[in-house]
Amino acid sequence: MPRAKANGIEIEYETFGPDDAPAVLLINGLGSQMTRWPAPFCEKLVARGFRAIRFDNRDVGLSTWFQSGDRYTLSDMAADAVGLLDHLKVGRAHIVGVSMGGMIAQTVAIEHPDRVLSLTSIMSATGAPGTLDSTPEAAAVLNTPAPDPAADEEAFVAHGVRNARVIGSPAYPWADAPLRERVLSDMRRAFNPKGVQRQRGAIGASGDRTEKLKTLKVPTVVVHGEADPLVPLAGGQATAAAIPGAELRIIPGMGHDLPEALYDTFIDAIADAAARAG
């Protein structure tokens, strides 16, 4: 995969579709690698006339990892995303983010409005009080360290599968084999739990975006699962309420993941936001 030097770091990325098609920048959630935007999802975007761009956020995957004691914010991560657009010579893009990636996407829209054609914020939040209140079971997913895969790979996989089922979509459950394969594939590509903790710190340090979101003038669609236990529906509702003209789409039976059965639902939201941008 290619790497971009941007914002003082190196960013692993991949593009799908023609360079002259409207660009969709896909931003990942906490600790997740760009492969969580699977190639079939990206190819569906290409079939709808877009150029899909996926990348590893700082501190995960094959992008630059930081060191103990390093601190950064969502603003730094938003600047990474814009730096990647600079590298690709993309002036403006449709910005899409999931979970923490939605927070980064919101920050791109707030701090770099001239680079944003439309915004699609998926299962994310404003950072206001109450918008990140997980259920106890879902909070444990974030707070319980994974076993060391080098010491006990099977225990690591079991932990990852269990966590995915806790926060996943009850109406769209994963089959055992592909879920195990996803956990293993993520681990073998890159495993950096300390980076995940630094990303959590970035979320905590970045505070409530509500007042800044009220200033946005960008076509926005907010998508949220009705059954999300990790970032509650209140997060999506608050996001849509804060952004002028935003549309809220609540998906029954969706938790905190991107089930294959809902790919077209997500892509419809992206395409509709893009259409509103003209």
C-alpha atoms as a PDB file:
ATOM      1  CA  MET A   1       0.000   0.000   0.000  1.00  0.00           C
ATOM      2  CA  PRO A   2       1.172   3.583  -0.551  1.00  0.00           C
ATOM      3  CA  ARG A   3       2.115   5.890   2.319  1.00  0.00           C
ATOM      4  CA  ALA A   4       1.741   9.645   2.487  1.00  0.00           C
ATOM      5  CA  LYS A   5       3.945  12.045   4.445  1.00  0.00           C
ATOM      6  CA  ALA A   6       1.407  14.418   5.948  1.00  0.00           C
ATOM      7  CA  ASN A   7       1.155  16.595   9.053  1.00  0.00           C
ATOM      8  CA  GLY A   8       4.537  15.377  10.264  1.00  0.00           C
ATOM      9  CA  ILE A   9       3.663  11.657  10.148  1.00  0.00           C
ATOM     10  CA  GLU A  10       3.330   8.826   7.639  1.00  0.00           C
ATOM     11  CA  ILE A  11      -0.161   7.664   6.729  1.00  0.00           C
ATOM     12  CA  GLU A  12      -0.929   4.306   5.141  1.00  0.00           C
ATOM     13  CA  TYR A  13      -3.770   4.653   2.638  1.00  0.00           C
ATOM     14  CA  GLU A  14      -5.513   3.083  -0.330  1.00  0.00           C
ATOM     15  CA  THR A  15      -7.758   4.493  -3.030  1.00  0.00           C
ATOM     16  CA  PHE A  16     -10.452   2.898  -5.156  1.00  0.00           C
ATOM     17  CA  GLY A  17     -11.876   4.283  -8.376  1.00  0.00           C
ATOM     18  CA  PRO A  18     -10.776   6.946 -10.872  1.00  0.00           C
ATOM     19  CA  ASP A  19      -8.758   9.912  -9.675  1.00  0.00           C
ATOM     20  CA  ASP A  20     -11.163  12.390 -11.253  1.00  0.00           C
ATOM     21  CA  ALA A  21     -14.290  11.049  -9.523  1.00  0.00           C
ATOM     22  CA  PRO A  22     -15.710  12.899  -6.488  1.00  0.00           C
ATOM     23  CA  ALA A  23     -13.625  11.843  -3.494  1.00  0.00           C
ATOM     24  CA  VAL A  24     -15.091  10.198  -0.395  1.00  0.00           C
ATOM     25  CA  LEU A  25     -12.676  10.199   2.550  1.00  0.00           C
ATOM     26  CA  LEU A  26     -13.462   7.335   4.950  1.00  0.00           C
ATOM     27  CA  ILE A  27     -12.307   7.873   8.558  1.00  0.00           C
ATOM     28  CA  ASN A  28     -12.069   4.962  10.997  1.00  0.00           C
ATOM     29  CA  GLY A  29     -13.224   4.550  14.565  1.00  0.00           C
ATOM     30  CA  LEU A  30     -11.270   4.005  17.762  1.00  0.00           C
ATOM     31  CA  GLY A  31      -8.458   1.503  17.293  1.00  0.00           C
ATOM     32  CA  SER A  32      -9.780   0.268  13.964  1.00  0.00           C
ATOM     33  CA  GLN A  33      -7.698  -0.007  10.824  1.00  0.00           C
ATOM     34  CA  MET A  34      -8.637   1.083   7.335  1.00  0.00           C
ATOM     35  CA  THR A  35      -9.571  -2.495   6.501  1.00  0.00           C
ATOM     36  CA  ARG A  36     -12.702  -1.956   8.626  1.00  0.00           C
ATOM     37  CA  TRP A  37     -13.895  -0.127   5.501  1.00  0.00           C
ATOM     38  CA  PRO A  38     -13.790  -3.409   3.544  1.00  0.00           C
ATOM     39  CA  ALA A  39     -12.854  -3.453  -0.119  1.00  0.00           C
ATOM     40  CA  PRO A  40     -16.392  -4.549  -1.150  1.00  0.00           C
ATOM     41  CA  PHE A  41     -17.776  -1.445   0.604  1.00  0.00           C
ATOM     42  CA  CYS A  42     -15.295   0.769  -1.225  1.00  0.00           C
ATOM     43  CA  GLU A  43     -16.098  -0.893  -4.547  1.00  0.00           C
ATOM     44  CA  LYS A  44     -19.779  -0.176  -3.978  1.00  0.00           C
ATOM     45  CA  LEU A  45     -18.894   3.500  -3.594  1.00  0.00           C
ATOM     46  CA  VAL A  46     -16.960   3.336  -6.871  1.00  0.00           C
ATOM     47  CA  ALA A  47     -20.001   1.782  -8.557  1.00  0.00           C
ATOM     48  CA  ARG A  48     -21.996   4.823  -7.408  1.00  0.00           C
ATOM     49  CA  GLY A  49     -19.537   7.153  -9.143  1.00  0.00           C
ATOM     50  CA  PHE A  50     -17.165   8.035  -6.294  1.00  0.00           C
ATOM     51  CA  ARG A  51     -13.466   7.690  -5.562  1.00  0.00           C
ATOM     52  CA  ALA A  52     -13.092   5.981  -2.181  1.00  0.00           C
ATOM     53  CA  ILE A  53     -10.101   6.819   0.044  1.00  0.00           C
ATOM     54  CA  ARG A  54      -9.422   4.785   3.175  1.00  0.00           C
ATOM     55  CA  PHE A  55      -6.472   5.169   5.542  1.00  0.00           C
ATOM     56  CA  ASP A  56      -5.047   4.162   8.900  1.00  0.00           C
ATOM     57  CA  ASN A  57      -5.390   6.851  11.555  1.00  0.00           C
ATOM     58  CA  ARG A  58      -2.252   7.744  13.500  1.00  0.00           C
ATOM     59  CA  ASP A  59      -1.301   5.171  16.137  1.00  0.00           C
ATOM     60  CA  VAL A  60      -3.069   2.216  14.496  1.00  0.00           C
ATOM     61  CA  GLY A  61      -2.471  -0.027  11.521  1.00  0.00           C
ATOM     62  CA  LEU A  62       0.533   0.824   9.401  1.00  0.00           C
ATOM     63  CA  SER A  63       0.520   4.584   9.949  1.00  0.00           C
ATOM     64  CA  THR A  64       2.946   6.233  12.395  1.00  0.00           C
ATOM     65  CA  TRP A  65       2.788   4.953  15.982  1.00  0.00           C
ATOM     66  CA  PHE A  66       3.487   7.358  18.796  1.00  0.00           C
ATOM     67  CA  GLN A  67       5.415   6.867  22.026  1.00  0.00           C
ATOM     68  CA  SER A  68       4.470   6.680  25.689  1.00  0.00           C
ATOM     69  CA  GLY A  69       3.754  10.159  26.974  1.00  0.00           C
ATOM     70  CA  ASP A  70       2.774  11.541  23.565  1.00  0.00           C
ATOM     71  CA  ARG A  71      -0.511  13.427  23.474  1.00  0.00           C
ATOM     72  CA  TYR A  72      -2.685  14.643  20.656  1.00  0.00           C
ATOM     73  CA  THR A  73      -6.276  15.693  20.003  1.00  0.00           C
ATOM     74  CA  LEU A  74      -8.985  15.118  17.425  1.00  0.00           C
ATOM     75  CA  SER A  75      -7.809  18.364  15.828  1.00  0.00           C
ATOM     76  CA  ASP A  76      -4.439  16.724  15.149  1.00  0.00           C
ATOM     77  CA  MET A  77      -6.175  13.699  13.658  1.00  0.00           C
ATOM     78  CA  ALA A  78      -8.372  15.959  11.509  1.00  0.00           C
ATOM     79  CA  ALA A  79      -5.215  17.686  10.271  1.00  0.00           C
ATOM     80  CA  ASP A  80      -3.834  14.247   9.340  1.00  0.00           C
ATOM     81  CA  ALA A  81      -6.914  13.629   7.192  1.00  0.00           C
ATOM     82  CA  VAL A  82      -6.553  16.995   5.479  1.00  0.00           C
ATOM     83  CA  GLY A  83      -2.850  16.337   4.983  1.00  0.00           C
ATOM     84  CA  LEU A  84      -3.727  13.132   3.168  1.00  0.00           C
ATOM     85  CA  LEU A  85      -6.076  15.093   0.895  1.00  0.00           C
ATOM     86  CA  ASP A  86      -3.196  17.474   0.211  1.00  0.00           C
ATOM     87  CA  HIS A  87      -0.943  14.552  -0.673  1.00  0.00           C
ATOM     88  CA  LEU A  88      -3.574  13.207  -3.067  1.00  0.00           C
ATOM     89  CA  LYS A  89      -4.187  16.694  -4.527  1.00  0.00           C
ATOM     90  CA  VAL A  90      -7.852  16.517  -3.551  1.00  0.00           C
ATOM     91  CA  GLY A  91      -9.165  20.010  -2.954  1.00  0.00           C
ATOM     92  CA  ARG A  92     -12.541  19.109  -1.450  1.00  0.00           C
ATOM     93  CA  ALA A  93     -14.049  15.776  -0.478  1.00  0.00           C
ATOM     94  CA  HIS A  94     -17.139  14.171   0.952  1.00  0.00           C
ATOM     95  CA  ILE A  95     -16.069  13.369   4.516  1.00  0.00           C
ATOM     96  CA  VAL A  96     -17.404  10.214   6.181  1.00  0.00           C
ATOM     97  CA  GLY A  97     -16.561   9.045   9.682  1.00  0.00           C
ATOM     98  CA  VAL A  98     -17.668   6.209  11.904  1.00  0.00           C
ATOM     99  CA  SER A  99     -17.635   6.436  15.734  1.00  0.00           C
ATOM    100  CA  MET A 100     -14.396   8.263  16.666  1.00  0.00           C
ATOM    101  CA  GLY A 101     -13.997   8.756  12.929  1.00  0.00           C
ATOM    102  CA  GLY A 102     -17.278  10.663  12.967  1.00  0.00           C
ATOM    103  CA  MET A 103     -15.819  12.937  15.634  1.00  0.00           C
ATOM    104  CA  ILE A 104     -12.752  13.480  13.451  1.00  0.00           C
ATOM    105  CA  ALA A 105     -14.984  14.122  10.425  1.00  0.00           C
ATOM    106  CA  GLN A 106     -16.954  16.703  12.422  1.00  0.00           C
ATOM    107  CA  THR A 107     -13.663  18.332  13.396  1.00  0.00           C
ATOM    108  CA  VAL A 108     -12.537  18.459   9.766  1.00  0.00           C
ATOM    109  CA  ALA A 109     -15.804  20.238   8.911  1.00  0.00           C
ATOM    110  CA  ILE A 110     -15.366  22.684  11.800  1.00  0.00           C
ATOM    111  CA  GLU A 111     -11.679  23.483  11.339  1.00  0.00           C
ATOM    112  CA  HIS A 112     -11.205  22.961   7.580  1.00  0.00           C
ATOM    113  CA  PRO A 113     -14.602  23.878   6.077  1.00  0.00           C
ATOM    114  CA  ASP A 114     -13.122  24.769   2.693  1.00  0.00           C
ATOM    115  CA  ARG A 115     -12.106  21.101   2.231  1.00  0.00           C
ATOM    116  CA  VAL A 116     -15.544  19.601   2.893  1.00  0.00           C
ATOM    117  CA  LEU A 117     -18.255  19.023   0.290  1.00  0.00           C
ATOM    118  CA  SER A 118     -20.548  17.027   2.568  1.00  0.00           C
ATOM    119  CA  LEU A 119     -20.468  15.283   5.937  1.00  0.00           C
ATOM    120  CA  THR A 120     -21.771  11.844   6.869  1.00  0.00           C
ATOM    121  CA  SER A 121     -21.418  11.088  10.594  1.00  0.00           C
ATOM    122  CA  ILE A 122     -22.113   7.447  11.481  1.00  0.00           C
ATOM    123  CA  MET A 123     -22.722   6.114  15.030  1.00  0.00           C
ATOM    124  CA  SER A 124     -20.870   9.078  16.489  1.00  0.00           C
ATOM    125  CA  ALA A 125     -21.485  11.942  18.919  1.00  0.00           C
ATOM    126  CA  THR A 126     -20.825  15.585  19.726  1.00  0.00           C
ATOM    127  CA  GLY A 127     -18.897  14.905  22.917  1.00  0.00           C
ATOM    128  CA  ALA A 128     -21.592  16.638  24.983  1.00  0.00           C
ATOM    129  CA  PRO A 129     -22.499  15.147  28.371  1.00  0.00           C
ATOM    130  CA  GLY A 130     -24.607  12.021  27.941  1.00  0.00           C
ATOM    131  CA  THR A 131     -23.693  11.415  24.311  1.00  0.00           C
ATOM    132  CA  LEU A 132     -20.938   8.901  25.083  1.00  0.00           C
ATOM    133  CA  ASP A 133     -22.583   7.005  27.942  1.00  0.00           C
ATOM    134  CA  SER A 134     -22.098   3.338  27.092  1.00  0.00           C
ATOM    135  CA  THR A 135     -23.964   0.493  28.717  1.00  0.00           C
ATOM    136  CA  PRO A 136     -21.866  -1.241  31.413  1.00  0.00           C
ATOM    137  CA  GLU A 137     -21.333  -4.243  29.134  1.00  0.00           C
ATOM    138  CA  ALA A 138     -20.188  -2.066  26.228  1.00  0.00           C
ATOM    139  CA  ALA A 139     -17.969   0.043  28.487  1.00  0.00           C
ATOM    140  CA  ALA A 140     -16.231  -3.152  29.554  1.00  0.00           C
ATOM    141  CA  VAL A 141     -15.290  -3.722  25.909  1.00  0.00           C
ATOM    142  CA  LEU A 142     -13.189  -0.561  26.070  1.00  0.00           C
ATOM    143  CA  ASN A 143     -11.888  -1.026  29.584  1.00  0.00           C
ATOM    144  CA  THR A 144     -10.920  -4.719  29.657  1.00  0.00           C
ATOM    145  CA  PRO A 145      -7.456  -5.316  28.166  1.00  0.00           C
ATOM    146  CA  ALA A 146      -7.138  -8.041  25.565  1.00  0.00           C
ATOM    147  CA  PRO A 147      -4.970 -11.064  26.319  1.00  0.00           C
ATOM    148  CA  ASP A 148      -1.507 -10.951  24.788  1.00  0.00           C
ATOM    149  CA  PRO A 149      -1.872 -12.699  21.410  1.00  0.00           C
ATOM    150  CA  ALA A 150       1.771 -13.759  21.477  1.00  0.00           C
ATOM    151  CA  ALA A 151       1.111 -15.687  24.681  1.00  0.00           C
ATOM    152  CA  ASP A 152      -2.361 -17.057  23.904  1.00  0.00           C
ATOM    153  CA  GLU A 153      -3.726 -16.345  20.452  1.00  0.00           C
ATOM    154  CA  GLU A 154      -6.914 -18.326  21.019  1.00  0.00           C
ATOM    155  CA  ALA A 155      -7.747 -16.345  24.161  1.00  0.00           C
ATOM    156  CA  PHE A 156      -7.116 -13.144  22.223  1.00  0.00           C
ATOM    157  CA  VAL A 157      -9.473 -14.222  19.439  1.00  0.00           C
ATOM    158  CA  ALA A 158     -12.167 -15.288  21.893  1.00  0.00           C
ATOM    159  CA  HIS A 159     -11.894 -11.891  23.602  1.00  0.00           C
ATOM    160  CA  GLY A 160     -12.230 -10.044  20.270  1.00  0.00           C
ATOM    161  CA  VAL A 161     -15.186 -12.139  19.141  1.00  0.00           C
ATOM    162  CA  ARG A 162     -16.970 -11.633  22.455  1.00  0.00           C
ATOM    163  CA  ASN A 163     -16.435  -7.878  22.331  1.00  0.00           C
ATOM    164  CA  ALA A 164     -17.684  -7.640  18.760  1.00  0.00           C
ATOM    165  CA  ARG A 165     -20.857  -9.458  19.721  1.00  0.00           C
ATOM    166  CA  VAL A 166     -21.446  -7.216  22.755  1.00  0.00           C
ATOM    167  CA  ILE A 167     -21.410  -4.002  20.700  1.00  0.00           C
ATOM    168  CA  GLY A 168     -22.596  -5.422  17.376  1.00  0.00           C
ATOM    169  CA  SER A 169     -25.945  -5.199  15.652  1.00  0.00           C
ATOM    170  CA  PRO A 170     -28.555  -7.555  17.127  1.00  0.00           C
ATOM    171  CA  ALA A 171     -30.509  -7.637  13.869  1.00  0.00           C
ATOM    172  CA  TYR A 172     -27.394  -8.306  11.785  1.00  0.00           C
ATOM    173  CA  PRO A 173     -25.196 -10.744  13.745  1.00  0.00           C
ATOM    174  CA  TRP A 174     -21.850 -11.953  12.441  1.00  0.00           C
ATOM    175  CA  ALA A 175     -21.309 -15.608  11.619  1.00  0.00           C
ATOM    176  CA  ASP A 176     -18.557 -17.194  13.708  1.00  0.00           C
ATOM    177  CA  ALA A 177     -15.990 -17.891  10.984  1.00  0.00           C
ATOM    178  CA  PRO A 178     -15.775 -14.441   9.366  1.00  0.00           C
ATOM    179  CA  LEU A 179     -15.777 -12.733  12.754  1.00  0.00           C
ATOM    180  CA  ARG A 180     -12.859 -14.872  13.954  1.00  0.00           C
ATOM    181  CA  GLU A 181     -11.046 -14.155  10.699  1.00  0.00           C
ATOM    182  CA  ARG A 182     -11.567 -10.406  11.125  1.00  0.00           C
ATOM    183  CA  VAL A 183     -10.095 -10.479  14.632  1.00  0.00           C
ATOM    184  CA  LEU A 184      -7.091 -12.486  13.462  1.00  0.00           C
ATOM    185  CA  SER A 185      -6.578 -10.361  10.354  1.00  0.00           C
ATOM    186  CA  ASP A 186      -6.622  -7.130  12.357  1.00  0.00           C
ATOM    187  CA  MET A 187      -4.135  -8.509  14.875  1.00  0.00           C
ATOM    188  CA  ARG A 188      -1.745  -9.878  12.253  1.00  0.00           C
ATOM    189  CA  ARG A 189      -1.775  -6.656  10.272  1.00  0.00           C
ATOM    190  CA  ALA A 190      -0.997  -4.488  13.301  1.00  0.00           C
ATOM    191  CA  PHE A 191      -1.516  -4.708  17.059  1.00  0.00           C
ATOM    192  CA  ASN A 192      -0.911  -1.545  19.074  1.00  0.00           C
ATOM    193  CA  PRO A 193      -3.110  -1.355  22.196  1.00  0.00           C
ATOM    194  CA  LYS A 194      -1.172   1.611  23.582  1.00  0.00           C
ATOM    195  CA  GLY A 195      -2.121   3.566  20.486  1.00  0.00           C
ATOM    196  CA  VAL A 196      -5.783   2.862  21.178  1.00  0.00           C
ATOM    197  CA  GLN A 197      -5.389   4.362  24.646  1.00  0.00           C
ATOM    198  CA  ARG A 198      -3.800   7.488  23.170  1.00  0.00           C
ATOM    199  CA  GLN A 199      -6.714   7.774  20.746  1.00  0.00           C
ATOM    200  CA  ARG A 200      -9.121   7.544  23.678  1.00  0.00           C
ATOM    201  CA  GLY A 201      -7.162  10.345  25.266  1.00  0.00           C
ATOM    202  CA  ALA A 202      -7.662  12.422  22.117  1.00  0.00           C
ATOM    203  CA  ILE A 203     -11.418  11.983  22.398  1.00  0.00           C
ATOM    204  CA  GLY A 204     -11.408  12.978  26.060  1.00  0.00           C
ATOM    205  CA  ALA A 205      -9.157  15.989  25.470  1.00  0.00           C
ATOM    206  CA  SER A 206     -11.293  17.355  22.648  1.00  0.00           C
ATOM    207  CA  GLY A 207     -14.455  18.083  24.616  1.00  0.00           C
ATOM    208  CA  ASP A 208     -17.909  19.106  23.460  1.00  0.00           C
ATOM    209  CA  ARG A 209     -18.236  20.249  19.817  1.00  0.00           C
ATOM    210  CA  THR A 210     -21.902  21.310  20.011  1.00  0.00           C
ATOM    211  CA  GLU A 211     -21.463  25.080  19.722  1.00  0.00           C
ATOM    212  CA  LYS A 212     -18.956  24.753  16.893  1.00  0.00           C
ATOM    213  CA  LEU A 213     -21.198  22.277  15.052  1.00  0.00           C
ATOM    214  CA  LYS A 214     -23.955  24.894  15.119  1.00  0.00           C
ATOM    215  CA  THR A 215     -21.819  27.072  12.837  1.00  0.00           C
ATOM    216  CA  LEU A 216     -21.492  24.488  10.052  1.00  0.00           C
ATOM    217  CA  LYS A 217     -22.889  25.149   6.607  1.00  0.00           C
ATOM    218  CA  VAL A 218     -22.387  21.760   5.005  1.00  0.00           C
ATOM    219  CA  PRO A 219     -24.912  19.157   3.785  1.00  0.00           C
ATOM    220  CA  THR A 220     -24.974  16.526   6.535  1.00  0.00           C
ATOM    221  CA  VAL A 221     -26.546  13.127   7.082  1.00  0.00           C
ATOM    222  CA  VAL A 222     -26.273  11.513  10.519  1.00  0.00           C
ATOM    223  CA  VAL A 223     -26.717   7.736  10.735  1.00  0.00           C
ATOM    224  CA  HIS A 224     -27.138   5.934  14.040  1.00  0.00           C
ATOM    225  CA  GLY A 225     -28.186   2.500  15.208  1.00  0.00           C
ATOM    226  CA  GLU A 226     -31.234   2.344  17.424  1.00  0.00           C
ATOM    227  CA  ALA A 227     -29.579  -0.474  19.390  1.00  0.00           C
ATOM    228  CA  ASP A 228     -26.083   1.022  19.766  1.00  0.00           C
ATOM    229  CA  PRO A 229     -24.785   0.169  23.272  1.00  0.00           C
ATOM    230  CA  LEU A 230     -21.382   1.859  22.931  1.00  0.00           C
ATOM    231  CA  VAL A 231     -22.287   5.302  21.578  1.00  0.00           C
ATOM    232  CA  PRO A 232     -25.972   5.667  22.462  1.00  0.00           C
ATOM    233  CA  LEU A 233     -28.607   6.968  20.088  1.00  0.00           C
ATOM    234  CA  ALA A 234     -28.442  10.236  22.026  1.00  0.00           C
ATOM    235  CA  GLY A 235     -25.065  10.810  20.353  1.00  0.00           C
ATOM    236  CA  GLY A 236     -26.538  10.760  16.875  1.00  0.00           C
ATOM    237  CA  GLN A 237     -29.567  12.771  17.931  1.00  0.00           C
ATOM    238  CA  ALA A 238     -27.357  15.460  19.465  1.00  0.00           C
ATOM    239  CA  THR A 239     -25.179  15.599  16.350  1.00  0.00           C
ATOM    240  CA  ALA A 240     -28.142  16.053  14.024  1.00  0.00           C
ATOM    241  CA  ALA A 241     -29.716  18.621  16.337  1.00  0.00           C
ATOM    242  CA  ALA A 242     -26.517  20.686  16.456  1.00  0.00           C
ATOM    243  CA  ILE A 243     -25.740  20.864  12.719  1.00  0.00           C
ATOM    244  CA  PRO A 244     -28.111  23.167  10.824  1.00  0.00           C
ATOM    245  CA  GLY A 245     -30.164  21.262   8.268  1.00  0.00           C
ATOM    246  CA  ALA A 246     -28.736  17.863   9.187  1.00  0.00           C
ATOM    247  CA  GLU A 247     -30.833  14.773   8.478  1.00  0.00           C
ATOM    248  CA  LEU A 248     -30.962  12.003  11.086  1.00  0.00           C
ATOM    249  CA  ARG A 249     -31.430   8.407   9.932  1.00  0.00           C
ATOM    250  CA  ILE A 250     -32.063   5.925  12.758  1.00  0.00           C
ATOM    251  CA  ILE A 251     -31.474   2.296  11.767  1.00  0.00           C
ATOM    252  CA  PRO A 252     -33.522  -0.312  13.688  1.00  0.00           C
ATOM    253  CA  GLY A 253     -31.529  -3.307  14.896  1.00  0.00           C
ATOM    254  CA  MET A 254     -28.158  -1.648  14.247  1.00  0.00           C
ATOM    255  CA  GLY A 255     -25.579  -1.595  17.029  1.00  0.00           C
ATOM    256  CA  HIS A 256     -22.029  -0.272  16.918  1.00  0.00           C
ATOM    257  CA  ASP A 257     -20.679  -1.828  13.744  1.00  0.00           C
ATOM    258  CA  LEU A 258     -21.064  -1.726   9.960  1.00  0.00           C
ATOM    259  CA  PRO A 259     -22.867  -4.933   8.988  1.00  0.00           C
ATOM    260  CA  GLU A 260     -22.522  -6.029   5.370  1.00  0.00           C
ATOM    261  CA  ALA A 261     -26.310  -6.149   5.090  1.00  0.00           C
ATOM    262  CA  LEU A 262     -26.383  -2.375   5.710  1.00  0.00           C
ATOM    263  CA  TYR A 263     -23.649  -1.347   3.255  1.00  0.00           C
ATOM    264  CA  ASP A 264     -26.199   0.032   0.811  1.00  0.00           C
ATOM    265  CA  THR A 265     -27.918   1.904   3.653  1.00  0.00           C
ATOM    266  CA  PHE A 266     -24.674   3.662   4.559  1.00  0.00           C
ATOM    267  CA  ILE A 267     -23.784   4.347   0.930  1.00  0.00           C
ATOM    268  CA  ASP A 268     -27.250   5.768   0.273  1.00  0.00           C
ATOM    269  CA  ALA A 269     -26.632   8.214   3.146  1.00  0.00           C
ATOM    270  CA  ILE A 270     -23.241   9.219   1.727  1.00  0.00           C
ATOM    271  CA  ALA A 271     -24.672   9.626  -1.764  1.00  0.00           C
ATOM    272  CA  ASP A 272     -27.640  11.650  -0.542  1.00  0.00           C
ATOM    273  CA  ALA A 273     -25.384  14.004   1.419  1.00  0.00           C
ATOM    274  CA  ALA A 274     -23.222  14.348  -1.688  1.00  0.00           C
ATOM    275  CA  ALA A 275     -26.251  15.054  -3.863  1.00  0.00           C
ATOM    276  CA  ARG A 276     -27.286  17.857  -1.525  1.00  0.00           C
ATOM    277  CA  ALA A 277     -23.828  19.342  -2.042  1.00  0.00           C
ATOM    278  CA  GLY A 278     -24.570  19.564  -5.765  1.00  0.00           C
END
